[in-house]
């Protein structure tokens, strides 16, 4: 694996984790959204990764798709809420803030790991250049 391949693979990981963190942020921001443009409550979004098997980025990762959760919404009895149904229940998104925070930590750690690989690769290249000068 060449020096540039290591950098490219790490960059794919950084890009994928950035998209994941954006999805998690959207989930947290809309955890109480009861009405969307589609008419229902917000649906939790999750990112699906796939490994890059060929080409210059072989061994890297990319986002295959962003999927919406098919879990049913959480119903709470709030008859005064403007989005309450005729029985008085409001459909809230199926977003668990604790689960989202755990996913955020995991994505953050993955991002940091890829950053460490980039920095280590850069230091190795600099050391190799210093050896060449001596």
Foldseek 3Di string as FASTA:
>chain_A
DDLVLLLLQLVQLLVALVVQLVLLVVCVVQQFAQQDPVGGGDFRKGWDKDADCDDSNHRHIHTPDIDTDPDFFDWDQAQVDPQADPVRIGGGYPRDNVVSVVSNVVSVVSNVVSVVSNVVSVVVVVVVVVVVVD
